[in-house]
N, C-alpha and C. Protein backbone atom coordinates (compact mmCIF):
# COMPACT_ATOMS: atom_id res chain seq x y z
N MET A 1 -52.77 218.44 18.76
CA MET A 1 -54.15 218.49 18.37
C MET A 1 -54.82 217.11 18.53
N ILE A 2 -54.08 216.05 18.22
CA ILE A 2 -54.63 214.71 18.36
C ILE A 2 -54.98 214.44 19.81
N ARG A 3 -54.15 214.89 20.72
CA ARG A 3 -54.40 214.66 22.15
C ARG A 3 -55.70 215.29 22.62
N THR A 4 -56.09 216.40 22.03
CA THR A 4 -57.33 217.05 22.46
C THR A 4 -58.56 216.36 21.92
N ARG A 5 -58.41 215.56 20.87
CA ARG A 5 -59.57 214.92 20.24
C ARG A 5 -59.70 213.44 20.51
N PHE A 6 -58.60 212.78 20.80
CA PHE A 6 -58.61 211.32 20.94
C PHE A 6 -57.81 210.90 22.16
N ASP A 7 -58.27 209.81 22.79
CA ASP A 7 -57.45 209.15 23.80
C ASP A 7 -56.43 208.34 23.02
N HIS A 8 -55.16 208.46 23.36
CA HIS A 8 -54.17 207.75 22.56
C HIS A 8 -52.94 207.42 23.38
N VAL A 9 -52.17 206.51 22.82
CA VAL A 9 -50.85 206.20 23.33
C VAL A 9 -49.93 206.25 22.13
N SER A 10 -48.85 206.95 22.24
CA SER A 10 -47.93 207.08 21.14
C SER A 10 -46.59 206.52 21.56
N THR A 11 -46.08 205.55 20.82
CA THR A 11 -44.79 204.95 21.14
C THR A 11 -43.89 204.97 19.92
N PRO A 12 -42.61 205.28 20.11
CA PRO A 12 -41.70 205.30 18.98
C PRO A 12 -41.54 203.91 18.39
N GLY A 13 -41.52 203.84 17.09
CA GLY A 13 -41.28 202.59 16.39
C GLY A 13 -39.97 202.70 15.62
N ALA A 14 -39.53 201.61 15.07
CA ALA A 14 -38.26 201.60 14.33
C ALA A 14 -38.31 202.52 13.11
N ASP A 15 -39.45 202.56 12.44
CA ASP A 15 -39.57 203.34 11.21
C ASP A 15 -40.49 204.55 11.35
N GLY A 16 -40.81 204.94 12.55
CA GLY A 16 -41.72 206.07 12.74
C GLY A 16 -42.40 205.97 14.09
N THR A 17 -43.65 206.36 14.14
CA THR A 17 -44.40 206.34 15.37
C THR A 17 -45.62 205.46 15.22
N VAL A 18 -45.89 204.68 16.23
CA VAL A 18 -47.08 203.85 16.28
C VAL A 18 -48.10 204.61 17.11
N LEU A 19 -49.26 204.85 16.55
CA LEU A 19 -50.31 205.58 17.25
C LEU A 19 -51.43 204.60 17.53
N ILE A 20 -51.73 204.41 18.80
CA ILE A 20 -52.80 203.49 19.20
C ILE A 20 -53.95 204.33 19.72
N VAL A 21 -55.10 204.18 19.10
CA VAL A 21 -56.28 204.95 19.48
C VAL A 21 -57.39 203.96 19.82
N GLY A 22 -57.99 204.13 20.99
CA GLY A 22 -59.02 203.20 21.43
C GLY A 22 -60.41 203.77 21.34
N ASN A 23 -61.37 202.87 21.18
CA ASN A 23 -62.79 203.20 21.20
C ASN A 23 -63.18 204.28 20.19
N VAL A 24 -62.91 204.03 18.92
CA VAL A 24 -63.29 204.99 17.89
C VAL A 24 -64.21 204.33 16.87
N ASP A 25 -65.10 205.12 16.33
CA ASP A 25 -65.98 204.63 15.27
C ASP A 25 -65.39 205.04 13.92
N GLN A 26 -66.07 204.68 12.82
CA GLN A 26 -65.54 204.97 11.49
C GLN A 26 -65.38 206.46 11.24
N THR A 27 -66.28 207.26 11.75
CA THR A 27 -66.18 208.71 11.57
C THR A 27 -64.93 209.25 12.25
N SER A 28 -64.63 208.75 13.44
CA SER A 28 -63.43 209.18 14.16
C SER A 28 -62.17 208.73 13.46
N VAL A 29 -62.17 207.53 12.90
CA VAL A 29 -61.01 207.04 12.16
C VAL A 29 -60.74 207.94 10.96
N ARG A 30 -61.79 208.28 10.23
CA ARG A 30 -61.64 209.17 9.07
C ARG A 30 -61.09 210.53 9.49
N ALA A 31 -61.62 211.08 10.57
CA ALA A 31 -61.15 212.38 11.07
C ALA A 31 -59.68 212.31 11.46
N LEU A 32 -59.28 211.22 12.11
CA LEU A 32 -57.89 211.06 12.51
C LEU A 32 -56.97 210.97 11.30
N LEU A 33 -57.35 210.17 10.31
CA LEU A 33 -56.53 210.05 9.10
C LEU A 33 -56.41 211.38 8.37
N ILE A 34 -57.49 212.10 8.24
CA ILE A 34 -57.46 213.41 7.58
C ILE A 34 -56.56 214.37 8.36
N LEU A 35 -56.66 214.36 9.68
CA LEU A 35 -55.83 215.21 10.51
C LEU A 35 -54.34 214.89 10.29
N LEU A 36 -54.01 213.62 10.25
CA LEU A 36 -52.61 213.22 10.02
C LEU A 36 -52.14 213.66 8.64
N TRP A 37 -52.95 213.42 7.61
CA TRP A 37 -52.57 213.81 6.24
C TRP A 37 -52.43 215.32 6.11
N ASP A 38 -53.37 216.06 6.70
CA ASP A 38 -53.35 217.52 6.60
C ASP A 38 -52.14 218.15 7.28
N THR A 39 -51.57 217.44 8.25
CA THR A 39 -50.40 217.96 8.95
C THR A 39 -49.10 217.37 8.41
N GLY A 40 -49.17 216.72 7.25
CA GLY A 40 -47.97 216.27 6.55
C GLY A 40 -47.44 214.91 6.94
N HIS A 41 -48.22 214.11 7.63
CA HIS A 41 -47.77 212.77 8.01
C HIS A 41 -48.15 211.75 6.93
N ASP A 42 -47.33 210.74 6.81
CA ASP A 42 -47.64 209.61 5.94
C ASP A 42 -48.17 208.48 6.81
N VAL A 43 -49.26 207.88 6.39
CA VAL A 43 -49.81 206.72 7.09
C VAL A 43 -49.37 205.50 6.30
N LEU A 44 -48.49 204.70 6.90
CA LEU A 44 -47.94 203.55 6.20
C LEU A 44 -48.78 202.29 6.38
N ILE A 45 -49.34 202.14 7.56
CA ILE A 45 -50.15 200.96 7.87
C ILE A 45 -51.31 201.39 8.75
N PHE A 46 -52.48 200.85 8.47
CA PHE A 46 -53.64 201.06 9.32
C PHE A 46 -54.16 199.69 9.70
N GLU A 47 -54.35 199.45 10.97
CA GLU A 47 -54.83 198.15 11.43
C GLU A 47 -55.94 198.36 12.45
N GLU A 48 -57.02 197.63 12.26
CA GLU A 48 -58.12 197.68 13.22
C GLU A 48 -58.15 196.37 13.99
N ARG A 49 -58.27 196.49 15.28
CA ARG A 49 -58.37 195.30 16.13
C ARG A 49 -59.61 195.41 16.99
N GLN A 50 -60.26 194.30 17.18
CA GLN A 50 -61.39 194.24 18.08
C GLN A 50 -60.87 194.14 19.51
N PRO A 51 -61.55 194.79 20.45
CA PRO A 51 -61.10 194.69 21.84
C PRO A 51 -61.17 193.25 22.33
N GLU A 52 -60.21 192.88 23.16
CA GLU A 52 -60.21 191.55 23.71
C GLU A 52 -61.36 191.40 24.69
N GLN A 53 -62.07 190.29 24.58
CA GLN A 53 -63.17 190.04 25.50
C GLN A 53 -62.66 189.24 26.68
N ARG A 54 -63.11 189.63 27.84
CA ARG A 54 -62.69 188.94 29.05
C ARG A 54 -63.62 187.75 29.30
N MET A 55 -63.04 186.67 29.67
CA MET A 55 -63.81 185.47 30.00
C MET A 55 -64.24 185.56 31.46
N GLY A 56 -65.42 185.11 31.76
CA GLY A 56 -65.73 185.11 33.16
C GLY A 56 -67.11 185.36 33.43
């Protein structure tokens, strides 16, 4: 279901799965978190990063 709603890359981590989602606003973040919680996942860490700006 996440694949149909968000562009993502999912990579296995030592303690679970790291889900990287690009270009989302606050509404999309909330929808993603609710989707994860509703399907029984625990969110251990949430981190927001600003896109890297290219020099030039």
